[in-house]
C-alpha atoms as a PDB file:
ATOM      1  CA  MET A   1      -0.310   0.169  -0.119  1.00  0.00           C
ATOM      2  CA  ASN A   2       1.347   3.367  -1.016  1.00  0.00           C
ATOM      3  CA  ASN A   3       0.965   6.952   0.330  1.00  0.00           C
ATOM      4  CA  LYS A   4      -1.708   7.722  -1.952  1.00  0.00           C
ATOM      5  CA  THR A   5      -4.229   4.851  -0.418  1.00  0.00           C
ATOM      6  CA  PHE A   6      -3.041   4.537   3.254  1.00  0.00           C
ATOM      7  CA  LEU A   7      -4.576   7.496   4.586  1.00  0.00           C
ATOM      8  CA  PRO A   8      -8.167   7.157   2.834  1.00  0.00           C
ATOM      9  CA  PHE A   9      -7.805   3.276   3.845  1.00  0.00           C
ATOM     10  CA  VAL A  10      -7.241   4.360   7.639  1.00  0.00           C
ATOM     11  CA  ALA A  11      -9.732   6.810   7.719  1.00  0.00           C
ATOM     12  CA  LEU A  12     -12.469   4.144   6.028  1.00  0.00           C
ATOM     13  CA  CYS A  13     -11.071   1.693   8.800  1.00  0.00           C
ATOM     14  CA  LEU A  14     -12.083   4.344  11.715  1.00  0.00           C
ATOM     15  CA  ILE A  15     -15.506   5.773  10.110  1.00  0.00           C
ATOM     16  CA  TRP A  16     -16.790   1.835   9.429  1.00  0.00           C
ATOM     17  CA  GLY A  17     -15.552   0.830  13.046  1.00  0.00           C
ATOM     18  CA  SER A  18     -17.467   3.784  14.605  1.00  0.00           C
ATOM     19  CA  THR A  19     -20.761   3.093  12.655  1.00  0.00           C
ATOM     20  CA  TRP A  20     -21.540   0.271  14.718  1.00  0.00           C
ATOM     21  CA  TYR A  21     -22.204   2.493  17.323  1.00  0.00           C
ATOM     22  CA  PHE A  22     -24.136   5.145  15.837  1.00  0.00           C
ATOM     23  CA  ILE A  23     -25.934   2.122  14.563  1.00  0.00           C
ATOM     24  CA  LYS A  24     -26.918   1.235  18.051  1.00  0.00           C
ATOM     25  CA  ILE A  25     -28.048   4.220  18.878  1.00  0.00           C
ATOM     26  CA  THR A  26     -30.368   4.981  16.452  1.00  0.00           C
ATOM     27  CA  LEU A  27     -31.802   1.285  16.950  1.00  0.00           C
ATOM     28  CA  ASN A  28     -32.107   1.871  20.868  1.00  0.00           C
ATOM     29  CA  ALA A  29     -33.764   5.299  20.138  1.00  0.00           C
ATOM     30  CA  GLY A  30     -36.096   3.480  18.796  1.00  0.00           C
ATOM     31  CA  MET A  31     -35.550   4.080  15.087  1.00  0.00           C
ATOM     32  CA  PRO A  32     -37.294   0.953  12.830  1.00  0.00           C
ATOM     33  CA  PRO A  33     -34.428  -0.802  11.205  1.00  0.00           C
ATOM     34  CA  MET A  34     -35.688  -0.506   7.215  1.00  0.00           C
ATOM     35  CA  TYR A  35     -36.071   3.723   8.127  1.00  0.00           C
ATOM     36  CA  GLY A  36     -32.880   3.546   9.532  1.00  0.00           C
ATOM     37  CA  VAL A  37     -31.317   2.051   6.162  1.00  0.00           C
ATOM     38  CA  GLY A  38     -33.555   4.031   4.149  1.00  0.00           C
ATOM     39  CA  ILE A  39     -33.203   7.629   5.609  1.00  0.00           C
ATOM     40  CA  ARG A  40     -29.150   7.066   5.650  1.00  0.00           C
ATOM     41  CA  PHE A  41     -28.455   6.073   2.021  1.00  0.00           C
ATOM     42  CA  PHE A  42     -31.655   8.411   0.666  1.00  0.00           C
ATOM     43  CA  PHE A  43     -29.705  11.631   1.832  1.00  0.00           C
ATOM     44  CA  SER A  44     -26.514  10.219   1.002  1.00  0.00           C
ATOM     45  CA  GLY A  45     -27.448   9.316  -2.373  1.00  0.00           C
ATOM     46  CA  LEU A  46     -28.763  12.967  -2.883  1.00  0.00           C
ATOM     47  CA  LEU A  47     -25.342  14.458  -1.821  1.00  0.00           C
ATOM     48  CA  PHE A  48     -23.438  12.313  -4.422  1.00  0.00           C
ATOM     49  CA  PHE A  49     -26.254  13.269  -7.100  1.00  0.00           C
ATOM     50  CA  LEU A  50     -24.762  17.127  -5.637  1.00  0.00           C
ATOM     51  CA  ILE A  51     -21.138  15.831  -6.202  1.00  0.00           C
ATOM     52  CA  LEU A  52     -21.913  14.998  -9.684  1.00  0.00           C
ATOM     53  CA  LEU A  53     -23.906  18.328 -10.704  1.00  0.00           C
ATOM     54  CA  LEU A  54     -20.891  20.262  -9.143  1.00  0.00           C
ATOM     55  CA  ARG A  55     -18.565  18.152 -11.359  1.00  0.00           C
ATOM     56  CA  LYS A  56     -20.477  18.142 -14.018  1.00  0.00           C
ATOM     57  CA  GLU A  57     -21.080  14.548 -14.704  1.00  0.00           C
ATOM     58  CA  SER A  58     -23.526  12.402 -16.210  1.00  0.00           C
ATOM     59  CA  ILE A  59     -24.773   9.193 -14.877  1.00  0.00           C
ATOM     60  CA  PRO A  60     -24.046   6.157 -17.792  1.00  0.00           C
ATOM     61  CA  ILE A  61     -26.833   4.082 -18.694  1.00  0.00           C
ATOM     62  CA  ASN A  62     -25.805   0.575 -20.377  1.00  0.00           C
ATOM     63  CA  LYS A  63     -26.697  -2.690 -19.828  1.00  0.00           C
ATOM     64  CA  GLN A  64     -23.318  -3.586 -17.629  1.00  0.00           C
ATOM     65  CA  SER A  65     -23.932  -0.523 -15.677  1.00  0.00           C
ATOM     66  CA  ILE A  66     -27.507  -1.072 -14.788  1.00  0.00           C
ATOM     67  CA  LYS A  67     -26.549  -4.682 -13.942  1.00  0.00           C
ATOM     68  CA  LEU A  68     -23.691  -2.939 -11.624  1.00  0.00           C
ATOM     69  CA  TYR A  69     -26.480  -0.592  -9.804  1.00  0.00           C
ATOM     70  CA  LEU A  70     -28.827  -3.190  -9.198  1.00  0.00           C
ATOM     71  CA  SER A  71     -26.750  -5.711  -7.770  1.00  0.00           C
ATOM     72  CA  PHE A  72     -24.879  -3.448  -5.473  1.00  0.00           C
ATOM     73  CA  ALA A  73     -27.951  -1.542  -4.188  1.00  0.00           C
ATOM     74  CA  LEU A  74     -29.931  -4.326  -4.104  1.00  0.00           C
ATOM     75  CA  LEU A  75     -27.909  -7.091  -2.318  1.00  0.00           C
ATOM     76  CA  ASN A  76     -25.323  -5.108  -1.043  1.00  0.00           C
ATOM     77  CA  PHE A  77     -26.974  -1.541   0.174  1.00  0.00           C
ATOM     78  CA  SER A  78     -30.554  -3.020   0.595  1.00  0.00           C
ATOM     79  CA  LEU A  79     -30.469  -6.510   1.874  1.00  0.00           C
ATOM     80  CA  SER A  80     -27.146  -6.705   3.823  1.00  0.00           C
ATOM     81  CA  TYR A  81     -27.470  -3.433   5.358  1.00  0.00           C
ATOM     82  CA  GLY A  82     -31.425  -3.960   6.432  1.00  0.00           C
ATOM     83  CA  ILE A  83     -30.410  -7.498   7.772  1.00  0.00           C
ATOM     84  CA  THR A  84     -27.561  -5.578   9.640  1.00  0.00           C
ATOM     85  CA  TYR A  85     -29.623  -2.876  11.387  1.00  0.00           C
ATOM     86  CA  TRP A  86     -32.100  -5.456  12.375  1.00  0.00           C
ATOM     87  CA  ALA A  87     -29.459  -8.001  13.726  1.00  0.00           C
ATOM     88  CA  THR A  88     -27.618  -5.263  15.635  1.00  0.00           C
ATOM     89  CA  GLN A  89     -30.810  -4.947  18.134  1.00  0.00           C
ATOM     90  CA  TYR A  90     -29.584  -8.153  19.061  1.00  0.00           C
ATOM     91  CA  VAL A  91     -26.084  -9.019  18.612  1.00  0.00           C
ATOM     92  CA  TYR A  92     -23.138  -6.675  20.246  1.00  0.00           C
ATOM     93  CA  SER A  93     -21.616  -4.405  17.681  1.00  0.00           C
ATOM     94  CA  SER A  94     -18.780  -5.969  18.206  1.00  0.00           C
ATOM     95  CA  ILE A  95     -19.899  -9.468  17.292  1.00  0.00           C
ATOM     96  CA  SER A  96     -22.280  -7.904  14.072  1.00  0.00           C
ATOM     97  CA  ALA A  97     -18.511  -6.279  13.094  1.00  0.00           C
ATOM     98  CA  ILE A  98     -16.460  -9.385  13.457  1.00  0.00           C
ATOM     99  CA  ILE A  99     -19.058 -11.350  11.456  1.00  0.00           C
ATOM    100  CA  TRP A 100     -18.392  -8.927   8.800  1.00  0.00           C
ATOM    101  CA  GLY A 101     -14.987  -9.306   9.355  1.00  0.00           C
ATOM    102  CA  LEU A 102     -15.221 -12.571   7.082  1.00  0.00           C
ATOM    103  CA  PHE A 103     -16.175 -10.255   4.276  1.00  0.00           C
ATOM    104  CA  PRO A 104     -12.797 -10.236   2.592  1.00  0.00           C
ATOM    105  CA  ALA A 105     -12.451 -14.306   2.919  1.00  0.00           C
ATOM    106  CA  VAL A 106     -15.589 -14.483   0.661  1.00  0.00           C
ATOM    107  CA  THR A 107     -15.222 -11.856  -1.489  1.00  0.00           C
ATOM    108  CA  SER A 108     -11.322 -13.208  -2.402  1.00  0.00           C
ATOM    109  CA  LEU A 109     -12.860 -16.562  -3.274  1.00  0.00           C
ATOM    110  CA  ILE A 110     -15.486 -15.271  -5.498  1.00  0.00           C
ATOM    111  CA  ALA A 111     -13.085 -13.019  -6.789  1.00  0.00           C
ATOM    112  CA  HIS A 112     -11.008 -16.050  -7.336  1.00  0.00           C
ATOM    113  CA  PHE A 113     -13.106 -17.510  -9.861  1.00  0.00           C
ATOM    114  CA  MET A 114     -15.119 -14.490 -11.397  1.00  0.00           C
ATOM    115  CA  ILE A 115     -11.609 -12.662 -12.478  1.00  0.00           C
ATOM    116  CA  PRO A 116      -9.516 -15.680 -13.699  1.00  0.00           C
ATOM    117  CA  ASN A 117      -7.512 -13.619 -15.792  1.00  0.00           C
ATOM    118  CA  ASP A 118      -6.020 -11.164 -13.111  1.00  0.00           C
ATOM    119  CA  PRO A 119      -2.985 -12.923 -11.485  1.00  0.00           C
ATOM    120  CA  ASN A 120      -3.808 -10.025  -8.415  1.00  0.00           C
ATOM    121  CA  GLU A 121      -7.601 -11.776  -8.139  1.00  0.00           C
ATOM    122  CA  ARG A 122      -5.863 -15.040  -7.607  1.00  0.00           C
ATOM    123  CA  LEU A 123      -5.709 -17.189  -3.956  1.00  0.00           C
ATOM    124  CA  THR A 124      -2.616 -17.623  -3.199  1.00  0.00           C
ATOM    125  CA  GLN A 125      -0.598 -19.032  -0.271  1.00  0.00           C
ATOM    126  CA  ASN A 126       0.110 -15.379   0.669  1.00  0.00           C
ATOM    127  CA  LYS A 127      -3.611 -14.405   1.324  1.00  0.00           C
ATOM    128  CA  LEU A 128      -4.930 -17.615   2.355  1.00  0.00           C
ATOM    129  CA  LEU A 129      -2.409 -17.628   5.215  1.00  0.00           C
ATOM    130  CA  ALA A 130      -3.424 -13.871   6.020  1.00  0.00           C
ATOM    131  CA  LEU A 131      -6.683 -14.533   5.836  1.00  0.00           C
ATOM    132  CA  GLY A 132      -6.458 -17.374   8.042  1.00  0.00           C
ATOM    133  CA  ILE A 133      -4.556 -15.131  10.420  1.00  0.00           C
ATOM    134  CA  GLY A 134      -7.061 -12.659  10.316  1.00  0.00           C
ATOM    135  CA  PHE A 135     -10.153 -15.460  11.011  1.00  0.00           C
ATOM    136  CA  ILE A 136      -8.031 -16.954  13.692  1.00  0.00           C
ATOM    137  CA  GLY A 137      -7.935 -13.314  15.480  1.00  0.00           C
ATOM    138  CA  LEU A 138     -11.963 -13.061  14.615  1.00  0.00           C
ATOM    139  CA  THR A 139     -12.620 -16.146  16.217  1.00  0.00           C
ATOM    140  CA  ILE A 140     -10.411 -15.371  19.136  1.00  0.00           C
ATOM    141  CA  ILE A 141     -12.205 -12.109  19.909  1.00  0.00           C
ATOM    142  CA  SER A 142     -15.799 -13.337  19.106  1.00  0.00           C
ATOM    143  CA  SER A 143     -15.209 -16.179  21.871  1.00  0.00           C
ATOM    144  CA  ASN A 144     -15.380 -13.718  24.501  1.00  0.00           C
ATOM    145  CA  GLN A 145     -18.732 -12.852  23.785  1.00  0.00           C
ATOM    146  CA  THR A 146     -21.549 -14.904  25.318  1.00  0.00           C
ATOM    147  CA  ILE A 147     -24.334 -15.522  22.966  1.00  0.00           C
ATOM    148  CA  ASP A 148     -28.307 -16.817  23.879  1.00  0.00           C
ATOM    149  CA  PHE A 149     -28.911 -19.227  21.386  1.00  0.00           C
ATOM    150  CA  SER A 150     -32.415 -19.435  22.301  1.00  0.00           C
ATOM    151  CA  SER A 151     -32.935 -15.907  21.892  1.00  0.00           C
ATOM    152  CA  ASN A 152     -33.007 -13.421  18.537  1.00  0.00           C
ATOM    153  CA  SER A 153     -29.448 -13.360  18.787  1.00  0.00           C
ATOM    154  CA  SER A 154     -28.928 -16.708  17.213  1.00  0.00           C
ATOM    155  CA  ILE A 155     -31.484 -15.525  13.939  1.00  0.00           C
ATOM    156  CA  GLY A 156     -29.107 -11.984  13.922  1.00  0.00           C
ATOM    157  CA  ILE A 157     -25.919 -14.174  13.608  1.00  0.00           C
ATOM    158  CA  LEU A 158     -27.201 -16.380  11.022  1.00  0.00           C
ATOM    159  CA  LEU A 159     -28.722 -13.541   9.103  1.00  0.00           C
ATOM    160  CA  LEU A 160     -25.560 -11.449   9.424  1.00  0.00           C
ATOM    161  CA  ILE A 161     -23.926 -14.212   7.522  1.00  0.00           C
ATOM    162  CA  CYS A 162     -26.061 -14.300   4.548  1.00  0.00           C
ATOM    163  CA  ALA A 163     -25.699 -10.344   4.510  1.00  0.00           C
ATOM    164  CA  VAL A 164     -21.750 -10.889   4.046  1.00  0.00           C
ATOM    165  CA  VAL A 165     -22.473 -13.427   1.040  1.00  0.00           C
ATOM    166  CA  ALA A 166     -24.673 -11.434  -0.653  1.00  0.00           C
ATOM    167  CA  ALA A 167     -22.780  -8.194  -0.306  1.00  0.00           C
ATOM    168  CA  ALA A 168     -19.504 -10.172  -1.702  1.00  0.00           C
ATOM    169  CA  TYR A 169     -20.833 -10.831  -5.427  1.00  0.00           C
ATOM    170  CA  PRO A 170     -21.505  -7.310  -6.286  1.00  0.00           C
ATOM    171  CA  SER A 171     -18.088  -6.171  -5.126  1.00  0.00           C
ATOM    172  CA  VAL A 172     -16.231  -8.713  -7.359  1.00  0.00           C
ATOM    173  CA  LEU A 173     -18.916  -7.533 -10.214  1.00  0.00           C
ATOM    174  CA  TYR A 174     -17.885  -3.859  -9.129  1.00  0.00           C
ATOM    175  CA  LYS A 175     -13.790  -4.478  -9.003  1.00  0.00           C
ATOM    176  CA  LYS A 176     -14.374  -6.545 -12.558  1.00  0.00           C
ATOM    177  CA  HIS A 177     -16.630  -3.542 -14.139  1.00  0.00           C
ATOM    178  CA  SER A 178     -15.416  -0.035 -12.773  1.00  0.00           C
ATOM    179  CA  GLN A 179     -14.353   0.803 -15.589  1.00  0.00           C
ATOM    180  CA  GLU A 180     -18.026   1.530 -16.572  1.00  0.00           C
ATOM    181  CA  VAL A 181     -18.912   3.675 -13.609  1.00  0.00           C
ATOM    182  CA  ASN A 182     -16.727   5.662 -11.361  1.00  0.00           C
ATOM    183  CA  HIS A 183     -17.137   6.125  -7.528  1.00  0.00           C
ATOM    184  CA  TYR A 184     -19.079   8.804  -7.650  1.00  0.00           C
ATOM    185  CA  GLN A 185     -21.815   7.797 -10.386  1.00  0.00           C
ATOM    186  CA  MET A 186     -21.908   4.315  -8.482  1.00  0.00           C
ATOM    187  CA  ASN A 187     -22.676   5.549  -4.767  1.00  0.00           C
ATOM    188  CA  ALA A 188     -25.002   8.092  -6.556  1.00  0.00           C
ATOM    189  CA  VAL A 189     -27.292   5.930  -7.818  1.00  0.00           C
ATOM    190  CA  CYS A 190     -27.117   3.043  -5.683  1.00  0.00           C
ATOM    191  CA  GLN A 191     -27.687   4.597  -2.376  1.00  0.00           C
ATOM    192  CA  LEU A 192     -30.637   6.667  -3.731  1.00  0.00           C
ATOM    193  CA  ILE A 193     -32.060   3.442  -5.300  1.00  0.00           C
ATOM    194  CA  THR A 194     -31.385   1.963  -1.826  1.00  0.00           C
ATOM    195  CA  GLY A 195     -33.053   4.976  -0.190  1.00  0.00           C
ATOM    196  CA  VAL A 196     -36.137   4.499  -2.146  1.00  0.00           C
ATOM    197  CA  VAL A 197     -36.778   0.548  -1.956  1.00  0.00           C
ATOM    198  CA  MET A 198     -36.110   0.805   2.351  1.00  0.00           C
ATOM    199  CA  LEU A 199     -38.306   3.777   2.781  1.00  0.00           C
ATOM    200  CA  SER A 200     -41.081   1.886   0.642  1.00  0.00           C
ATOM    201  CA  LEU A 201     -40.836  -1.010   2.485  1.00  0.00           C
ATOM    202  CA  SER A 202     -40.682   0.745   5.763  1.00  0.00           C
ATOM    203  CA  TYR A 203     -43.908   2.659   4.827  1.00  0.00           C
ATOM    204  CA  PHE A 204     -45.716  -0.513   4.729  1.00  0.00           C
ATOM    205  CA  ILE A 205     -43.938  -2.411   7.355  1.00  0.00           C
ATOM    206  CA  GLU A 206     -43.102  -0.008  10.065  1.00  0.00           C
ATOM    207  CA  THR A 207     -45.407   2.912   9.608  1.00  0.00           C
ATOM    208  CA  GLU A 208     -46.316   2.750  13.218  1.00  0.00           C
ATOM    209  CA  GLU A 209     -42.804   2.642  14.919  1.00  0.00           C
ATOM    210  CA  THR A 210     -41.932   5.574  13.043  1.00  0.00           C
ATOM    211  CA  MET A 211     -44.708   7.898  13.860  1.00  0.00           C
ATOM    212  CA  GLN A 212     -43.637   7.118  17.186  1.00  0.00           C
ATOM    213  CA  LEU A 213     -40.021   7.836  16.810  1.00  0.00           C
ATOM    214  CA  VAL A 214     -38.659  11.204  18.799  1.00  0.00           C
ATOM    215  CA  TRP A 215     -35.939  12.730  17.468  1.00  0.00           C
ATOM    216  CA  THR A 216     -33.931  13.594  20.259  1.00  0.00           C
ATOM    217  CA  ASN A 217     -30.561  15.663  19.599  1.00  0.00           C
ATOM    218  CA  GLU A 218     -28.696  12.557  20.092  1.00  0.00           C
ATOM    219  CA  LEU A 219     -30.449  10.686  17.307  1.00  0.00           C
ATOM    220  CA  ILE A 220     -30.243  13.628  14.863  1.00  0.00           C
ATOM    221  CA  LEU A 221     -26.381  13.946  15.231  1.00  0.00           C
ATOM    222  CA  SER A 222     -25.836  10.051  15.118  1.00  0.00           C
ATOM    223  CA  THR A 223     -28.138   9.716  12.135  1.00  0.00           C
ATOM    224  CA  ILE A 224     -26.072  13.005  10.336  1.00  0.00           C
ATOM    225  CA  TYR A 225     -23.144  11.213  11.077  1.00  0.00           C
ATOM    226  CA  LEU A 226     -24.196   7.924   9.447  1.00  0.00           C
ATOM    227  CA  ILE A 227     -25.161   9.793   6.435  1.00  0.00           C
ATOM    228  CA  VAL A 228     -22.432  12.069   5.954  1.00  0.00           C
ATOM    229  CA  LEU A 229     -19.679  10.048   7.313  1.00  0.00           C
ATOM    230  CA  GLY A 230     -20.952   6.466   7.372  1.00  0.00           C
ATOM    231  CA  GLY A 231     -22.610   7.041   3.878  1.00  0.00           C
ATOM    232  CA  VAL A 232     -20.740   9.748   1.697  1.00  0.00           C
ATOM    233  CA  VAL A 233     -17.166  10.147   3.009  1.00  0.00           C
ATOM    234  CA  SER A 234     -16.697   6.008   3.369  1.00  0.00           C
ATOM    235  CA  TRP A 235     -18.468   4.807   0.791  1.00  0.00           C
ATOM    236  CA  GLY A 236     -16.693   7.393  -1.588  1.00  0.00           C
ATOM    237  CA  ILE A 237     -13.664   6.089  -0.720  1.00  0.00           C
ATOM    238  CA  TYR A 238     -14.642   2.314  -0.270  1.00  0.00           C
ATOM    239  CA  PHE A 239     -15.240   2.361  -4.388  1.00  0.00           C
ATOM    240  CA  TRP A 240     -12.069   4.963  -5.264  1.00  0.00           C
ATOM    241  CA  LEU A 241     -10.010   2.110  -3.551  1.00  0.00           C
ATOM    242  CA  TYR A 242     -11.088  -0.542  -5.877  1.00  0.00           C
ATOM    243  CA  GLN A 243      -8.897   1.540  -8.375  1.00  0.00           C
ATOM    244  CA  HIS A 244      -5.803   0.812  -6.694  1.00  0.00           C
ATOM    245  CA  LEU A 245      -5.698  -2.124  -4.418  1.00  0.00           C
ATOM    246  CA  THR A 246      -6.829  -5.904  -5.338  1.00  0.00           C
ATOM    247  CA  VAL A 247     -10.475  -7.530  -3.979  1.00  0.00           C
ATOM    248  CA  THR A 248      -8.866  -8.994  -1.156  1.00  0.00           C
ATOM    249  CA  GLN A 249      -7.108  -5.508  -0.221  1.00  0.00           C
ATOM    250  CA  VAL A 250      -9.947  -3.416  -0.193  1.00  0.00           C
ATOM    251  CA  THR A 251     -12.783  -5.691   1.459  1.00  0.00           C
ATOM    252  CA  TYR A 252      -9.766  -7.101   4.289  1.00  0.00           C
ATOM    253  CA  VAL A 253     -11.105  -3.412   5.651  1.00  0.00           C
ATOM    254  CA  ALA A 254     -13.669  -5.313   6.690  1.00  0.00           C
ATOM    255  CA  ILE A 255     -10.929  -6.789   9.286  1.00  0.00           C
ATOM    256  CA  PHE A 256     -10.402  -3.870  10.969  1.00  0.00           C
ATOM    257  CA  PRO A 257     -13.809  -2.031  12.073  1.00  0.00           C
ATOM    258  CA  PRO A 258     -13.926  -4.752  14.793  1.00  0.00           C
ATOM    259  CA  ILE A 259     -11.113  -3.511  16.565  1.00  0.00           C
ATOM    260  CA  VAL A 260     -12.743  -0.261  16.383  1.00  0.00           C
ATOM    261  CA  ALA A 261     -15.975  -1.377  17.286  1.00  0.00           C
ATOM    262  CA  ILE A 262     -14.590  -3.272  20.276  1.00  0.00           C
ATOM    263  CA  ILE A 263     -13.425  -0.269  21.568  1.00  0.00           C
ATOM    264  CA  MET A 264     -16.034   2.036  21.069  1.00  0.00           C
ATOM    265  CA  GLY A 265     -18.285  -0.769  22.804  1.00  0.00           C
ATOM    266  CA  TRP A 266     -15.913  -0.865  25.706  1.00  0.00           C
ATOM    267  CA  THR A 267     -15.679   2.791  26.342  1.00  0.00           C
ATOM    268  CA  PHE A 268     -19.323   4.147  25.767  1.00  0.00           C
ATOM    269  CA  LEU A 269     -21.485   1.090  25.701  1.00  0.00           C
ATOM    270  CA  ASN A 270     -19.919  -0.751  28.545  1.00  0.00           C
ATOM    271  CA  GLU A 271     -18.852  -4.000  26.759  1.00  0.00           C
ATOM    272  CA  VAL A 272     -15.793  -5.822  28.188  1.00  0.00           C
ATOM    273  CA  LEU A 273     -12.480  -5.257  26.681  1.00  0.00           C
ATOM    274  CA  THR A 274     -10.627  -8.685  27.271  1.00  0.00           C
ATOM    275  CA  THR A 275      -6.881 -10.000  27.261  1.00  0.00           C
ATOM    276  CA  LYS A 276      -8.367 -12.496  24.039  1.00  0.00           C
ATOM    277  CA  GLU A 277      -9.668  -9.685  22.252  1.00  0.00           C
ATOM    278  CA  ILE A 278      -6.521  -8.042  22.635  1.00  0.00           C
ATOM    279  CA  ILE A 279      -4.500 -11.236  20.952  1.00  0.00           C
ATOM    280  CA  GLY A 280      -7.198 -11.348  18.668  1.00  0.00           C
ATOM    281  CA  THR A 281      -6.208  -7.604  17.108  1.00  0.00           C
ATOM    282  CA  ILE A 282      -2.669  -8.624  17.141  1.00  0.00           C
ATOM    283  CA  LEU A 283      -3.395 -11.421  15.032  1.00  0.00           C
ATOM    284  CA  ILE A 284      -5.935  -9.376  12.822  1.00  0.00           C
ATOM    285  CA  LEU A 285      -2.810  -6.534  12.377  1.00  0.00           C
ATOM    286  CA  SER A 286      -0.467  -9.279  11.769  1.00  0.00           C
ATOM    287  CA  GLY A 287      -2.739 -10.374   8.809  1.00  0.00           C
ATOM    288  CA  SER A 288      -2.819  -7.117   7.278  1.00  0.00           C
ATOM    289  CA  VAL A 289       0.944  -7.260   7.192  1.00  0.00           C
ATOM    290  CA  LEU A 290       0.812  -9.988   4.953  1.00  0.00           C
ATOM    291  CA  ILE A 291      -2.314  -8.475   2.671  1.00  0.00           C
ATOM    292  CA  TYR A 292      -0.674  -5.218   1.686  1.00  0.00           C
ATOM    293  CA  ARG A 293       2.840  -6.027   1.843  1.00  0.00           C
ATOM    294  CA  LYS A 294       4.578  -5.956  -1.486  1.00  0.00           C
END
């Protein structure tokens, strides 16, 4: 990783790690999951359209770009985020982030078969070792959490795993065809579609809960954070990184947010920081050395 990508990458890790905390705040305040996803991406999408307007860029409309828009909007943003918001009501914020830490392993496997002509996207011994070390670190971290398998937490964990798998395919597809749509265009269309889809679903399913929602200062600030930093800044960086890094290197970013989430959960949500989590963090960072070294 060079100097051009290092700072944006670090910023992405910090923002995505902190979003779990702010998602938890909005859900604890009574914001319905589908409504929360819809609000976040609808306004973030509008901000990206404003950026396109200022840059005087149009939206590509062809068969491949439409496939990219729909696959990412429906599978990655709508389905995966809808599941994640719902599951976060019942699962520790650190556990949610940890499960998403499996994302690079799934995308690396799919990229190996979807982009066979690119040697940088093949599963090598180095990648497998790095992903294995990261997975061991995640396992050690998650082993500290007590899960009640008779409650919604077990369902939430299973659905989060499904969300990771659903999000992987669009990510690899975008890497394969990233020359078709730039990161501003991709975000503007996908996020606005997601906002419309999720707000429409919320209207039919969550109307009563939405009407009862009280917009406190904490809820407003958390929502703004998720829209601006969690929507515009983070996803702008994420799609931009695909122009400079391999699929595995980009998606390995999902390994780092658990570290941030664990620290924030310990600091602000009274979740316990243990020796296991510290050891797991060291292993995750060790895996990153193998992923990003030249």
